[in-house]
């Protein structure tokens, strides 16, 4: 089954590497957004199967974007995985306390990204 993943990250190179990985290795459809606001709009329009969300972004950071997605009845059900370079225990606890599906760390391995996402979300058909 093909999945649709939305990647919200202000760094174009991160978006492109993740998209190429997910499209090539898993055959998933990938949507891209460079900001929290753009990501919320794309999530509402396309209702992806999951969202990879960067923590550190200008204007609207990942946790704020996540709260907006949860507040919207159209997007509240979409699993969100935070992408972060912050590996401190306090940061990890704060992120998991938000209620996200998982936290993944940058840099990620493009060769295992799709498998990691599928395992994290319990997708058995990947």
PDB file of N, CA and C in Angstrom:
ATOM      1  N   UNK A   1       0.850  -1.186   0.000  1.00  0.00           N
ATOM      2  CA  UNK A   1       0.000   0.000   0.000  1.00  0.00           C
ATOM      3  C   UNK A   1       0.888   1.238   0.000  1.00  0.00           C
ATOM      4  N   UNK A   2       0.587   2.140  -0.895  1.00  0.00           N
ATOM      5  CA  UNK A   2       1.378   3.368  -0.968  1.00  0.00           C
ATOM      6  C   UNK A   2       0.918   4.351   0.103  1.00  0.00           C
ATOM      7  N   UNK A   3       1.865   4.978   0.715  1.00  0.00           N
ATOM      8  CA  UNK A   3       1.580   5.956   1.760  1.00  0.00           C
ATOM      9  C   UNK A   3       1.837   7.361   1.246  1.00  0.00           C
ATOM     10  N   UNK A   4       1.202   8.320   1.893  1.00  0.00           N
ATOM     11  CA  UNK A   4       1.434   9.736   1.593  1.00  0.00           C
ATOM     12  C   UNK A   4       2.017  10.371   2.849  1.00  0.00           C
ATOM     13  N   UNK A   5       3.218  10.939   2.711  1.00  0.00           N
ATOM     14  CA  UNK A   5       3.930  11.528   3.840  1.00  0.00           C
ATOM     15  C   UNK A   5       4.146  13.016   3.563  1.00  0.00           C
ATOM     16  N   UNK A   6       3.891  13.830   4.559  1.00  0.00           N
ATOM     17  CA  UNK A   6       4.163  15.265   4.479  1.00  0.00           C
ATOM     18  C   UNK A   6       5.408  15.557   5.300  1.00  0.00           C
ATOM     19  N   UNK A   7       6.389  16.198   4.675  1.00  0.00           N
ATOM     20  CA  UNK A   7       7.606  16.601   5.368  1.00  0.00           C
ATOM     21  C   UNK A   7       7.564  18.114   5.552  1.00  0.00           C
ATOM     22  N   UNK A   8       7.606  18.555   6.804  1.00  0.00           N
ATOM     23  CA  UNK A   8       7.611  19.988   7.120  1.00  0.00           C
ATOM     24  C   UNK A   8       8.964  20.309   7.747  1.00  0.00           C
ATOM     25  N   UNK A   9       9.789  21.004   6.996  1.00  0.00           N
ATOM     26  CA  UNK A   9      11.140  21.348   7.457  1.00  0.00           C
ATOM     27  C   UNK A   9      11.577  22.592   6.715  1.00  0.00           C
ATOM     28  N   UNK A  10      12.187  23.537   7.438  1.00  0.00           N
ATOM     29  CA  UNK A  10      12.623  24.768   6.786  1.00  0.00           C
ATOM     30  C   UNK A  10      13.935  24.592   6.015  1.00  0.00           C
ATOM     31  N   UNK A  11      14.615  23.473   6.198  1.00  0.00           N
ATOM     32  CA  UNK A  11      15.866  23.230   5.476  1.00  0.00           C
ATOM     33  C   UNK A  11      15.575  22.426   4.209  1.00  0.00           C
ATOM     34  N   UNK A  12      15.800  23.074   3.051  1.00  0.00           N
ATOM     35  CA  UNK A  12      15.478  22.441   1.778  1.00  0.00           C
ATOM     36  C   UNK A  12      16.239  21.143   1.570  1.00  0.00           C
ATOM     37  N   UNK A  13      17.512  21.095   1.965  1.00  0.00           N
ATOM     38  CA  UNK A  13      18.295  19.878   1.745  1.00  0.00           C
ATOM     39  C   UNK A  13      17.737  18.700   2.549  1.00  0.00           C
ATOM     40  N   UNK A  14      17.269  18.952   3.760  1.00  0.00           N
ATOM     41  CA  UNK A  14      16.664  17.886   4.574  1.00  0.00           C
ATOM     42  C   UNK A  14      15.388  17.388   3.892  1.00  0.00           C
ATOM     43  N   UNK A  15      14.557  18.321   3.437  1.00  0.00           N
ATOM     44  CA  UNK A  15      13.316  17.927   2.744  1.00  0.00           C
ATOM     45  C   UNK A  15      13.630  17.072   1.527  1.00  0.00           C
ATOM     46  N   UNK A  16      14.605  17.501   0.729  1.00  0.00           N
ATOM     47  CA  UNK A  16      14.917  16.794  -0.512  1.00  0.00           C
ATOM     48  C   UNK A  16      15.491  15.402  -0.262  1.00  0.00           C
ATOM     49  N   UNK A  17      16.403  15.284   0.701  1.00  0.00           N
ATOM     50  CA  UNK A  17      16.991  13.970   1.007  1.00  0.00           C
ATOM     51  C   UNK A  17      15.909  13.019   1.521  1.00  0.00           C
ATOM     52  N   UNK A  18      15.081  13.491   2.438  1.00  0.00           N
ATOM     53  CA  UNK A  18      14.016  12.643   2.982  1.00  0.00           C
ATOM     54  C   UNK A  18      13.028  12.253   1.888  1.00  0.00           C
ATOM     55  N   UNK A  19      12.650  13.201   1.044  1.00  0.00           N
ATOM     56  CA  UNK A  19      11.691  12.921  -0.022  1.00  0.00           C
ATOM     57  C   UNK A  19      12.256  11.891  -1.000  1.00  0.00           C
ATOM     58  N   UNK A  20      13.480  12.087  -1.415  1.00  0.00           N
ATOM     59  CA  UNK A  20      14.107  11.157  -2.350  1.00  0.00           C
ATOM     60  C   UNK A  20      14.158   9.756  -1.743  1.00  0.00           C
ATOM     61  N   UNK A  21      14.523   9.683  -0.488  1.00  0.00           N
ATOM     62  CA  UNK A  21      14.597   8.399   0.208  1.00  0.00           C
ATOM     63  C   UNK A  21      13.236   7.707   0.238  1.00  0.00           C
ATOM     64  N   UNK A  22      12.213   8.418   0.672  1.00  0.00           N
ATOM     65  CA  UNK A  22      10.885   7.815   0.830  1.00  0.00           C
ATOM     66  C   UNK A  22      10.257   7.450  -0.511  1.00  0.00           C
ATOM     67  N   UNK A  23      10.481   8.277  -1.527  1.00  0.00           N
ATOM     68  CA  UNK A  23       9.928   7.994  -2.853  1.00  0.00           C
ATOM     69  C   UNK A  23      10.649   6.818  -3.504  1.00  0.00           C
ATOM     70  N   UNK A  24      11.981   6.818  -3.430  1.00  0.00           N
ATOM     71  CA  UNK A  24      12.778   5.805  -4.114  1.00  0.00           C
ATOM     72  C   UNK A  24      12.720   4.454  -3.418  1.00  0.00           C
ATOM     73  N   UNK A  25      12.929   4.446  -2.121  1.00  0.00           N
ATOM     74  CA  UNK A  25      13.025   3.185  -1.388  1.00  0.00           C
ATOM     75  C   UNK A  25      11.652   2.596  -1.081  1.00  0.00           C
ATOM     76  N   UNK A  26      10.722   3.423  -0.652  1.00  0.00           N
ATOM     77  CA  UNK A  26       9.409   2.900  -0.237  1.00  0.00           C
ATOM     78  C   UNK A  26       8.322   3.074  -1.290  1.00  0.00           C
ATOM     79  N   UNK A  27       8.555   3.948  -2.265  1.00  0.00           N
ATOM     80  CA  UNK A  27       7.530   4.213  -3.267  1.00  0.00           C
ATOM     81  C   UNK A  27       6.381   5.051  -2.736  1.00  0.00           C
ATOM     82  N   UNK A  28       6.639   5.790  -1.649  1.00  0.00           N
ATOM     83  CA  UNK A  28       5.599   6.620  -1.061  1.00  0.00           C
ATOM     84  C   UNK A  28       5.472   7.941  -1.801  1.00  0.00           C
ATOM     85  N   UNK A  29       4.289   8.523  -1.733  1.00  0.00           N
ATOM     86  CA  UNK A  29       4.071   9.874  -2.244  1.00  0.00           C
ATOM     87  C   UNK A  29       4.517  10.844  -1.153  1.00  0.00           C
ATOM     88  N   UNK A  30       5.305  11.849  -1.532  1.00  0.00           N
ATOM     89  CA  UNK A  30       5.834  12.789  -0.550  1.00  0.00           C
ATOM     90  C   UNK A  30       5.384  14.201  -0.892  1.00  0.00           C
ATOM     91  N   UNK A  31       4.872  14.891   0.110  1.00  0.00           N
ATOM     92  CA  UNK A  31       4.497  16.296   0.001  1.00  0.00           C
ATOM     93  C   UNK A  31       5.497  17.091   0.834  1.00  0.00           C
ATOM     94  N   UNK A  32       5.840  18.291   0.374  1.00  0.00           N
ATOM     95  CA  UNK A  32       6.843  19.096   1.057  1.00  0.00           C
ATOM     96  C   UNK A  32       6.292  20.454   1.462  1.00  0.00           C
ATOM     97  N   UNK A  33       6.725  20.911   2.645  1.00  0.00           N
ATOM     98  CA  UNK A  33       6.389  22.251   3.110  1.00  0.00           C
ATOM     99  C   UNK A  33       7.602  22.815   3.833  1.00  0.00           C
ATOM    100  N   UNK A  34       7.886  24.096   3.597  1.00  0.00           N
ATOM    101  CA  UNK A  34       9.056  24.743   4.171  1.00  0.00           C
ATOM    102  C   UNK A  34       8.793  25.531   5.442  1.00  0.00           C
ATOM    103  N   UNK A  35       7.541  25.504   5.918  1.00  0.00           N
ATOM    104  CA  UNK A  35       7.212  26.232   7.151  1.00  0.00           C
ATOM    105  C   UNK A  35       6.018  25.559   7.821  1.00  0.00           C
ATOM    106  N   UNK A  36       5.826  25.893   9.090  1.00  0.00           N
ATOM    107  CA  UNK A  36       4.698  25.344   9.819  1.00  0.00           C
ATOM    108  C   UNK A  36       3.364  25.711   9.198  1.00  0.00           C
ATOM    109  N   UNK A  37       3.206  26.973   8.826  1.00  0.00           N
ATOM    110  CA  UNK A  37       1.942  27.430   8.233  1.00  0.00           C
ATOM    111  C   UNK A  37       1.657  26.715   6.919  1.00  0.00           C
ATOM    112  N   UNK A  38       2.683  26.597   6.070  1.00  0.00           N
ATOM    113  CA  UNK A  38       2.512  25.898   4.787  1.00  0.00           C
ATOM    114  C   UNK A  38       2.194  24.423   5.031  1.00  0.00           C
ATOM    115  N   UNK A  39       2.827  23.843   6.048  1.00  0.00           N
ATOM    116  CA  UNK A  39       2.575  22.440   6.377  1.00  0.00           C
ATOM    117  C   UNK A  39       1.157  22.196   6.846  1.00  0.00           C
ATOM    118  N   UNK A  40       0.643  23.089   7.674  1.00  0.00           N
ATOM    119  CA  UNK A  40      -0.739  22.958   8.145  1.00  0.00           C
ATOM    120  C   UNK A  40      -1.699  23.012   6.965  1.00  0.00           C
ATOM    121  N   UNK A  41      -1.471  23.942   6.046  1.00  0.00           N
ATOM    122  CA  UNK A  41      -2.329  24.068   4.858  1.00  0.00           C
ATOM    123  C   UNK A  41      -2.276  22.798   4.006  1.00  0.00           C
ATOM    124  N   UNK A  42      -1.074  22.261   3.791  1.00  0.00           N
ATOM    125  CA  UNK A  42      -0.944  21.030   2.993  1.00  0.00           C
ATOM    126  C   UNK A  42      -1.580  19.843   3.695  1.00  0.00           C
ATOM    127  N   UNK A  43      -1.431  19.778   5.007  1.00  0.00           N
ATOM    128  CA  UNK A  43      -2.038  18.676   5.754  1.00  0.00           C
ATOM    129  C   UNK A  43      -3.557  18.711   5.615  1.00  0.00           C
ATOM    130  N   UNK A  44      -4.147  19.908   5.698  1.00  0.00           N
ATOM    131  CA  UNK A  44      -5.597  20.042   5.553  1.00  0.00           C
ATOM    132  C   UNK A  44      -6.046  19.665   4.147  1.00  0.00           C
ATOM    133  N   UNK A  45      -5.272  20.056   3.159  1.00  0.00           N
ATOM    134  CA  UNK A  45      -5.654  19.816   1.762  1.00  0.00           C
ATOM    135  C   UNK A  45      -5.489  18.351   1.354  1.00  0.00           C
ATOM    136  N   UNK A  46      -4.389  17.705   1.785  1.00  0.00           N
ATOM    137  CA  UNK A  46      -4.044  16.378   1.277  1.00  0.00           C
ATOM    138  C   UNK A  46      -4.242  15.230   2.270  1.00  0.00           C
ATOM    139  N   UNK A  47      -4.437  15.536   3.555  1.00  0.00           N
ATOM    140  CA  UNK A  47      -4.634  14.528   4.598  1.00  0.00           C
ATOM    141  C   UNK A  47      -3.650  13.357   4.466  1.00  0.00           C
ATOM    142  N   UNK A  48      -2.364  13.634   4.721  1.00  0.00           N
ATOM    143  CA  UNK A  48      -1.350  12.585   4.582  1.00  0.00           C
ATOM    144  C   UNK A  48      -1.511  11.492   5.637  1.00  0.00           C
ATOM    145  N   UNK A  49      -0.845  10.352   5.390  1.00  0.00           N
ATOM    146  CA  UNK A  49      -0.875   9.236   6.337  1.00  0.00           C
ATOM    147  C   UNK A  49      -0.016   9.525   7.562  1.00  0.00           C
ATOM    148  N   UNK A  50       1.001  10.383   7.383  1.00  0.00           N
ATOM    149  CA  UNK A  50       1.872  10.761   8.502  1.00  0.00           C
ATOM    150  C   UNK A  50       2.599  12.051   8.143  1.00  0.00           C
ATOM    151  N   UNK A  51       3.108  12.711   9.181  1.00  0.00           N
ATOM    152  CA  UNK A  51       3.843  13.964   9.003  1.00  0.00           C
ATOM    153  C   UNK A  51       5.187  13.853   9.709  1.00  0.00           C
ATOM    154  N   UNK A  52       6.258  14.201   8.979  1.00  0.00           N
ATOM    155  CA  UNK A  52       7.580  14.372   9.581  1.00  0.00           C
ATOM    156  C   UNK A  52       7.732  15.858   9.818  1.00  0.00           C
ATOM    157  N   UNK A  53       7.940  16.254  11.048  1.00  0.00           N
ATOM    158  CA  UNK A  53       7.899  17.662  11.425  1.00  0.00           C
ATOM    159  C   UNK A  53       9.188  18.087  12.119  1.00  0.00           C
ATOM    160  N   UNK A  54       9.867  19.070  11.544  1.00  0.00           N
ATOM    161  CA  UNK A  54      11.079  19.611  12.147  1.00  0.00           C
ATOM    162  C   UNK A  54      10.719  20.385  13.412  1.00  0.00           C
ATOM    163  N   UNK A  55      11.564  20.278  14.427  1.00  0.00           N
ATOM    164  CA  UNK A  55      11.322  20.987  15.681  1.00  0.00           C
ATOM    165  C   UNK A  55      11.684  22.458  15.562  1.00  0.00           C
ATOM    166  N   UNK A  56      12.884  22.750  15.073  1.00  0.00           N
ATOM    167  CA  UNK A  56      13.400  24.122  15.041  1.00  0.00           C
ATOM    168  C   UNK A  56      13.137  24.767  13.684  1.00  0.00           C
ATOM    169  N   UNK A  57      12.145  25.653  13.638  1.00  0.00           N
ATOM    170  CA  UNK A  57      11.830  26.399  12.427  1.00  0.00           C
ATOM    171  C   UNK A  57      11.521  27.842  12.826  1.00  0.00           C
ATOM    172  N   UNK A  58      11.831  28.790  11.934  1.00  0.00           N
ATOM    173  CA  UNK A  58      11.486  30.182  12.239  1.00  0.00           C
ATOM    174  C   UNK A  58       9.967  30.393  12.184  1.00  0.00           C
ATOM    175  N   UNK A  59       9.516  31.461  12.767  1.00  0.00           N
ATOM    176  CA  UNK A  59       8.111  31.857  12.807  1.00  0.00           C
ATOM    177  C   UNK A  59       7.256  30.906  13.629  1.00  0.00           C
ATOM    178  N   UNK A  60       6.994  29.695  13.114  1.00  0.00           N
ATOM    179  CA  UNK A  60       6.196  28.714  13.848  1.00  0.00           C
ATOM    180  C   UNK A  60       7.031  27.447  14.001  1.00  0.00           C
ATOM    181  N   UNK A  61       7.443  27.138  15.238  1.00  0.00           N
ATOM    182  CA  UNK A  61       8.285  25.962  15.438  1.00  0.00           C
ATOM    183  C   UNK A  61       7.451  24.677  15.390  1.00  0.00           C
ATOM    184  N   UNK A  62       8.144  23.545  15.454  1.00  0.00           N
ATOM    185  CA  UNK A  62       7.471  22.256  15.355  1.00  0.00           C
ATOM    186  C   UNK A  62       6.418  22.013  16.415  1.00  0.00           C
ATOM    187  N   UNK A  63       6.747  22.237  17.714  1.00  0.00           N
ATOM    188  CA  UNK A  63       5.715  22.020  18.735  1.00  0.00           C
ATOM    189  C   UNK A  63       4.461  22.882  18.534  1.00  0.00           C
ATOM    190  N   UNK A  64       4.634  24.129  18.108  1.00  0.00           N
ATOM    191  CA  UNK A  64       3.480  25.003  17.851  1.00  0.00           C
ATOM    192  C   UNK A  64       2.690  24.490  16.652  1.00  0.00           C
ATOM    193  N   UNK A  65       3.393  24.076  15.607  1.00  0.00           N
ATOM    194  CA  UNK A  65       2.741  23.510  14.424  1.00  0.00           C
ATOM    195  C   UNK A  65       1.952  22.269  14.821  1.00  0.00           C
ATOM    196  N   UNK A  66       2.551  21.405  15.646  1.00  0.00           N
ATOM    197  CA  UNK A  66       1.883  20.191  16.104  1.00  0.00           C
ATOM    198  C   UNK A  66       0.600  20.530  16.861  1.00  0.00           C
ATOM    199  N   UNK A  67       0.656  21.522  17.741  1.00  0.00           N
ATOM    200  CA  UNK A  67      -0.538  21.914  18.499  1.00  0.00           C
ATOM    201  C   UNK A  67      -1.638  22.423  17.568  1.00  0.00           C
ATOM    202  N   UNK A  68      -1.248  23.162  16.521  1.00  0.00           N
ATOM    203  CA  UNK A  68      -2.234  23.646  15.535  1.00  0.00           C
ATOM    204  C   UNK A  68      -2.865  22.467  14.783  1.00  0.00           C
ATOM    205  N   UNK A  69      -2.036  21.483  14.409  1.00  0.00           N
ATOM    206  CA  UNK A  69      -2.556  20.302  13.716  1.00  0.00           C
ATOM    207  C   UNK A  69      -3.533  19.542  14.601  1.00  0.00           C
ATOM    208  N   UNK A  70      -3.229  19.431  15.888  1.00  0.00           N
ATOM    209  CA  UNK A  70      -4.096  18.718  16.829  1.00  0.00           C
ATOM    210  C   UNK A  70      -5.390  19.489  17.092  1.00  0.00           C
ATOM    211  N   UNK A  71      -5.351  20.801  17.020  1.00  0.00           N
ATOM    212  CA  UNK A  71      -6.534  21.617  17.289  1.00  0.00           C
ATOM    213  C   UNK A  71      -7.532  21.582  16.126  1.00  0.00           C
ATOM    214  N   UNK A  72      -7.081  21.143  14.957  1.00  0.00           N
ATOM    215  CA  UNK A  72      -7.927  21.115  13.763  1.00  0.00           C
ATOM    216  C   UNK A  72      -8.570  19.729  13.619  1.00  0.00           C
ATOM    217  N   UNK A  73      -9.910  19.646  13.582  1.00  0.00           N
ATOM    218  CA  UNK A  73     -10.579  18.340  13.469  1.00  0.00           C
ATOM    219  C   UNK A  73     -10.166  17.556  12.216  1.00  0.00           C
ATOM    220  N   UNK A  74      -9.779  18.251  11.147  1.00  0.00           N
ATOM    221  CA  UNK A  74      -9.394  17.569   9.907  1.00  0.00           C
ATOM    222  C   UNK A  74      -8.034  16.891  10.019  1.00  0.00           C
ATOM    223  N   UNK A  75      -7.147  17.421  10.873  1.00  0.00           N
ATOM    224  CA  UNK A  75      -5.778  16.906  10.923  1.00  0.00           C
ATOM    225  C   UNK A  75      -5.407  16.284  12.271  1.00  0.00           C
ATOM    226  N   UNK A  76      -6.313  16.285  13.218  1.00  0.00           N
ATOM    227  CA  UNK A  76      -5.986  15.821  14.571  1.00  0.00           C
ATOM    228  C   UNK A  76      -5.580  14.352  14.624  1.00  0.00           C
ATOM    229  N   UNK A  77      -6.059  13.544  13.676  1.00  0.00           N
ATOM    230  CA  UNK A  77      -5.795  12.096  13.680  1.00  0.00           C
ATOM    231  C   UNK A  77      -4.467  11.713  13.010  1.00  0.00           C
ATOM    232  N   UNK A  78      -3.828  12.639  12.307  1.00  0.00           N
ATOM    233  CA  UNK A  78      -2.627  12.309  11.533  1.00  0.00           C
ATOM    234  C   UNK A  78      -1.432  12.114  12.469  1.00  0.00           C
ATOM    235  N   UNK A  79      -0.765  10.944  12.389  1.00  0.00           N
ATOM    236  CA  UNK A  79       0.413  10.727  13.229  1.00  0.00           C
ATOM    237  C   UNK A  79       1.535  11.704  12.859  1.00  0.00           C
ATOM    238  N   UNK A  80       2.187  12.262  13.871  1.00  0.00           N
ATOM    239  CA  UNK A  80       3.274  13.213  13.658  1.00  0.00           C
ATOM    240  C   UNK A  80       4.549  12.681  14.311  1.00  0.00           C
ATOM    241  N   UNK A  81       5.622  12.667  13.526  1.00  0.00           N
ATOM    242  CA  UNK A  81       6.939  12.299  14.023  1.00  0.00           C
ATOM    243  C   UNK A  81       7.798  13.554  14.005  1.00  0.00           C
ATOM    244  N   UNK A  82       8.308  13.938  15.169  1.00  0.00           N
ATOM    245  CA  UNK A  82       9.192  15.095  15.233  1.00  0.00           C
ATOM    246  C   UNK A  82      10.588  14.706  14.771  1.00  0.00           C
ATOM    247  N   UNK A  83      11.194  15.583  13.977  1.00  0.00           N
ATOM    248  CA  UNK A  83      12.593  15.436  13.558  1.00  0.00           C
ATOM    249  C   UNK A  83      13.395  16.489  14.294  1.00  0.00           C
ATOM    250  N   UNK A  84      14.438  16.072  14.985  1.00  0.00           N
ATOM    251  CA  UNK A  84      15.207  17.033  15.755  1.00  0.00           C
ATOM    252  C   UNK A  84      16.677  16.664  15.828  1.00  0.00           C
ATOM    253  N   UNK A  85      17.509  17.678  15.960  1.00  0.00           N
ATOM    254  CA  UNK A  85      18.934  17.470  16.225  1.00  0.00           C
ATOM    255  C   UNK A  85      19.195  17.521  17.726  1.00  0.00           C
ATOM    256  N   UNK A  86      18.169  17.896  18.502  1.00  0.00           N
ATOM    257  CA  UNK A  86      18.321  17.997  19.961  1.00  0.00           C
ATOM    258  C   UNK A  86      18.220  16.608  20.570  1.00  0.00           C
ATOM    259  N   UNK A  87      19.274  16.193  21.236  1.00  0.00           N
ATOM    260  CA  UNK A  87      19.287  14.847  21.792  1.00  0.00           C
ATOM    261  C   UNK A  87      19.359  14.834  23.318  1.00  0.00           C
ATOM    262  N   UNK A  88      19.245  16.003  23.932  1.00  0.00           N
ATOM    263  CA  UNK A  88      19.271  16.074  25.394  1.00  0.00           C
ATOM    264  C   UNK A  88      18.033  15.388  25.972  1.00  0.00           C
ATOM    265  N   UNK A  89      18.192  14.725  27.095  1.00  0.00           N
ATOM    266  CA  UNK A  89      17.096  14.000  27.721  1.00  0.00           C
ATOM    267  C   UNK A  89      15.915  14.907  28.034  1.00  0.00           C
ATOM    268  N   UNK A  90      16.187  16.116  28.519  1.00  0.00           N
ATOM    269  CA  UNK A  90      15.099  17.053  28.850  1.00  0.00           C
ATOM    270  C   UNK A  90      14.301  17.420  27.604  1.00  0.00           C
ATOM    271  N   UNK A  91      15.002  17.646  26.481  1.00  0.00           N
ATOM    272  CA  UNK A  91      14.314  17.960  25.226  1.00  0.00           C
ATOM    273  C   UNK A  91      13.470  16.770  24.774  1.00  0.00           C
ATOM    274  N   UNK A  92      14.032  15.568  24.834  1.00  0.00           N
ATOM    275  CA  UNK A  92      13.301  14.374  24.420  1.00  0.00           C
ATOM    276  C   UNK A  92      12.025  14.210  25.235  1.00  0.00           C
ATOM    277  N   UNK A  93      12.122  14.410  26.543  1.00  0.00           N
ATOM    278  CA  UNK A  93      10.948  14.275  27.406  1.00  0.00           C
ATOM    279  C   UNK A  93       9.895  15.333  27.060  1.00  0.00           C
ATOM    280  N   UNK A  94      10.346  16.566  26.832  1.00  0.00           N
ATOM    281  CA  UNK A  94       9.419  17.645  26.483  1.00  0.00           C
ATOM    282  C   UNK A  94       8.686  17.318  25.178  1.00  0.00           C
ATOM    283  N   UNK A  95       9.416  16.779  24.198  1.00  0.00           N
ATOM    284  CA  UNK A  95       8.797  16.440  22.916  1.00  0.00           C
ATOM    285  C   UNK A  95       7.814  15.281  23.062  1.00  0.00           C
ATOM    286  N   UNK A  96       8.195  14.257  23.809  1.00  0.00           N
ATOM    287  CA  UNK A  96       7.290  13.118  23.963  1.00  0.00           C
ATOM    288  C   UNK A  96       6.060  13.500  24.783  1.00  0.00           C
ATOM    289  N   UNK A  97       6.216  14.448  25.707  1.00  0.00           N
ATOM    290  CA  UNK A  97       5.081  14.922  26.497  1.00  0.00           C
ATOM    291  C   UNK A  97       4.047  15.661  25.643  1.00  0.00           C
ATOM    292  N   UNK A  98       4.438  16.122  24.465  1.00  0.00           N
ATOM    293  CA  UNK A  98       3.502  16.812  23.569  1.00  0.00           C
ATOM    294  C   UNK A  98       2.427  15.869  23.057  1.00  0.00           C
ATOM    295  N   UNK A  99       2.761  14.584  22.963  1.00  0.00           N
ATOM    296  CA  UNK A  99       1.813  13.619  22.416  1.00  0.00           C
ATOM    297  C   UNK A  99       2.098  13.237  20.980  1.00  0.00           C
ATOM    298  N   UNK A 100       3.303  13.525  20.501  1.00  0.00           N
ATOM    299  CA  UNK A 100       3.657  13.119  19.138  1.00  0.00           C
ATOM    300  C   UNK A 100       3.802  11.602  19.091  1.00  0.00           C
ATOM    301  N   UNK A 101       3.722  11.035  17.891  1.00  0.00           N
ATOM    302  CA  UNK A 101       3.838   9.584  17.733  1.00  0.00           C
ATOM    303  C   UNK A 101       5.242   9.097  18.041  1.00  0.00           C
ATOM    304  N   UNK A 102       6.247   9.919  17.698  1.00  0.00           N
ATOM    305  CA  UNK A 102       7.638   9.530  17.931  1.00  0.00           C
ATOM    306  C   UNK A 102       8.540  10.744  17.732  1.00  0.00           C
ATOM    307  N   UNK A 103       9.777  10.582  18.167  1.00  0.00           N
ATOM    308  CA  UNK A 103      10.820  11.576  17.919  1.00  0.00           C
ATOM    309  C   UNK A 103      11.950  10.852  17.202  1.00  0.00           C
ATOM    310  N   UNK A 104      12.364  11.376  16.052  1.00  0.00           N
ATOM    311  CA  UNK A 104      13.493  10.818  15.304  1.00  0.00           C
ATOM    312  C   UNK A 104      14.589  11.879  15.253  1.00  0.00           C
ATOM    313  N   UNK A 105      15.816  11.402  15.202  1.00  0.00           N
ATOM    314  CA  UNK A 105      16.932  12.327  15.303  1.00  0.00           C
ATOM    315  C   UNK A 105      17.615  12.582  13.970  1.00  0.00           C
ATOM    316  N   UNK A 106      18.030  13.833  13.802  1.00  0.00           N
ATOM    317  CA  UNK A 106      18.860  14.227  12.670  1.00  0.00           C
ATOM    318  C   UNK A 106      20.308  14.094  13.112  1.00  0.00           C
ATOM    319  N   UNK A 107      21.194  13.688  12.258  1.00  0.00           N
ATOM    320  CA  UNK A 107      20.903  13.245  10.891  1.00  0.00           C
ATOM    321  C   UNK A 107      20.305  11.841  10.906  1.00  0.00           C
ATOM    322  N   UNK A 108      19.326  11.618  10.038  1.00  0.00           N
ATOM    323  CA  UNK A 108      18.717  10.297   9.901  1.00  0.00           C
ATOM    324  C   UNK A 108      19.416   9.556   8.766  1.00  0.00           C
ATOM    325  N   UNK A 109      19.242   8.253   8.724  1.00  0.00           N
ATOM    326  CA  UNK A 109      19.819   7.432   7.664  1.00  0.00           C
ATOM    327  C   UNK A 109      18.801   7.331   6.534  1.00  0.00           C
ATOM    328  N   UNK A 110      19.080   7.932   5.365  1.00  0.00           N
ATOM    329  CA  UNK A 110      18.114   7.893   4.269  1.00  0.00           C
ATOM    330  C   UNK A 110      17.781   6.470   3.812  1.00  0.00           C
ATOM    331  N   UNK A 111      18.712   5.543   4.006  1.00  0.00           N
ATOM    332  CA  UNK A 111      18.472   4.170   3.561  1.00  0.00           C
ATOM    333  C   UNK A 111      17.488   3.420   4.451  1.00  0.00           C
ATOM    334  N   UNK A 112      17.337   3.861   5.692  1.00  0.00           N
ATOM    335  CA  UNK A 112      16.416   3.170   6.608  1.00  0.00           C
ATOM    336  C   UNK A 112      15.246   4.047   7.039  1.00  0.00           C
ATOM    337  N   UNK A 113      15.150   5.261   6.515  1.00  0.00           N
ATOM    338  CA  UNK A 113      14.113   6.196   6.964  1.00  0.00           C
ATOM    339  C   UNK A 113      12.704   5.620   6.809  1.00  0.00           C
ATOM    340  N   UNK A 114      12.381   5.074   5.642  1.00  0.00           N
ATOM    341  CA  UNK A 114      11.031   4.529   5.424  1.00  0.00           C
ATOM    342  C   UNK A 114      10.747   3.378   6.381  1.00  0.00           C
ATOM    343  N   UNK A 115      11.708   2.484   6.552  1.00  0.00           N
ATOM    344  CA  UNK A 115      11.536   1.356   7.475  1.00  0.00           C
ATOM    345  C   UNK A 115      11.358   1.854   8.900  1.00  0.00           C
ATOM    346  N   UNK A 116      12.143   2.860   9.287  1.00  0.00           N
ATOM    347  CA  UNK A 116      12.040   3.416  10.635  1.00  0.00           C
ATOM    348  C   UNK A 116      10.662   4.035  10.874  1.00  0.00           C
ATOM    349  N   UNK A 117      10.159   4.769   9.884  1.00  0.00           N
ATOM    350  CA  UNK A 117       8.829   5.382  10.000  1.00  0.00           C
ATOM    351  C   UNK A 117       7.762   4.295  10.105  1.00  0.00           C
ATOM    352  N   UNK A 118       7.831   3.295   9.217  1.00  0.00           N
ATOM    353  CA  UNK A 118       6.841   2.212   9.210  1.00  0.00           C
ATOM    354  C   UNK A 118       6.840   1.469  10.548  1.00  0.00           C
ATOM    355  N   UNK A 119       8.030   1.172  11.078  1.00  0.00           N
ATOM    356  CA  UNK A 119       8.108   0.482  12.367  1.00  0.00           C
ATOM    357  C   UNK A 119       7.553   1.357  13.496  1.00  0.00           C
ATOM    358  N   UNK A 120       7.923   2.618  13.487  1.00  0.00           N
ATOM    359  CA  UNK A 120       7.479   3.544  14.521  1.00  0.00           C
ATOM    360  C   UNK A 120       5.958   3.643  14.569  1.00  0.00           C
ATOM    361  N   UNK A 121       5.338   3.662  13.393  1.00  0.00           N
ATOM    362  CA  UNK A 121       3.881   3.840  13.322  1.00  0.00           C
ATOM    363  C   UNK A 121       3.110   2.531  13.283  1.00  0.00           C
ATOM    364  N   UNK A 122       3.848   1.405  13.310  1.00  0.00           N
ATOM    365  CA  UNK A 122       3.187   0.108  13.306  1.00  0.00           C
ATOM    366  C   UNK A 122       2.560  -0.262  11.978  1.00  0.00           C
ATOM    367  N   UNK A 123       3.123   0.252  10.891  1.00  0.00           N
ATOM    368  CA  UNK A 123       2.629  -0.087   9.560  1.00  0.00           C
ATOM    369  C   UNK A 123       3.218  -1.435   9.163  1.00  0.00           C
ATOM    370  N   UNK A 124       2.394  -2.451   9.124  1.00  0.00           N
ATOM    371  CA  UNK A 124       2.859  -3.808   8.855  1.00  0.00           C
ATOM    372  C   UNK A 124       3.000  -4.112   7.368  1.00  0.00           C
ATOM    373  N   UNK A 125       2.366  -3.320   6.521  1.00  0.00           N
ATOM    374  CA  UNK A 125       2.329  -3.631   5.084  1.00  0.00           C
ATOM    375  C   UNK A 125       3.495  -3.039   4.307  1.00  0.00           C
ATOM    376  N   UNK A 126       4.504  -2.516   4.991  1.00  0.00           N
ATOM    377  CA  UNK A 126       5.618  -1.870   4.279  1.00  0.00           C
ATOM    378  C   UNK A 126       6.729  -2.860   4.050  1.00  0.00           C
TER     379      UNK A 126
END
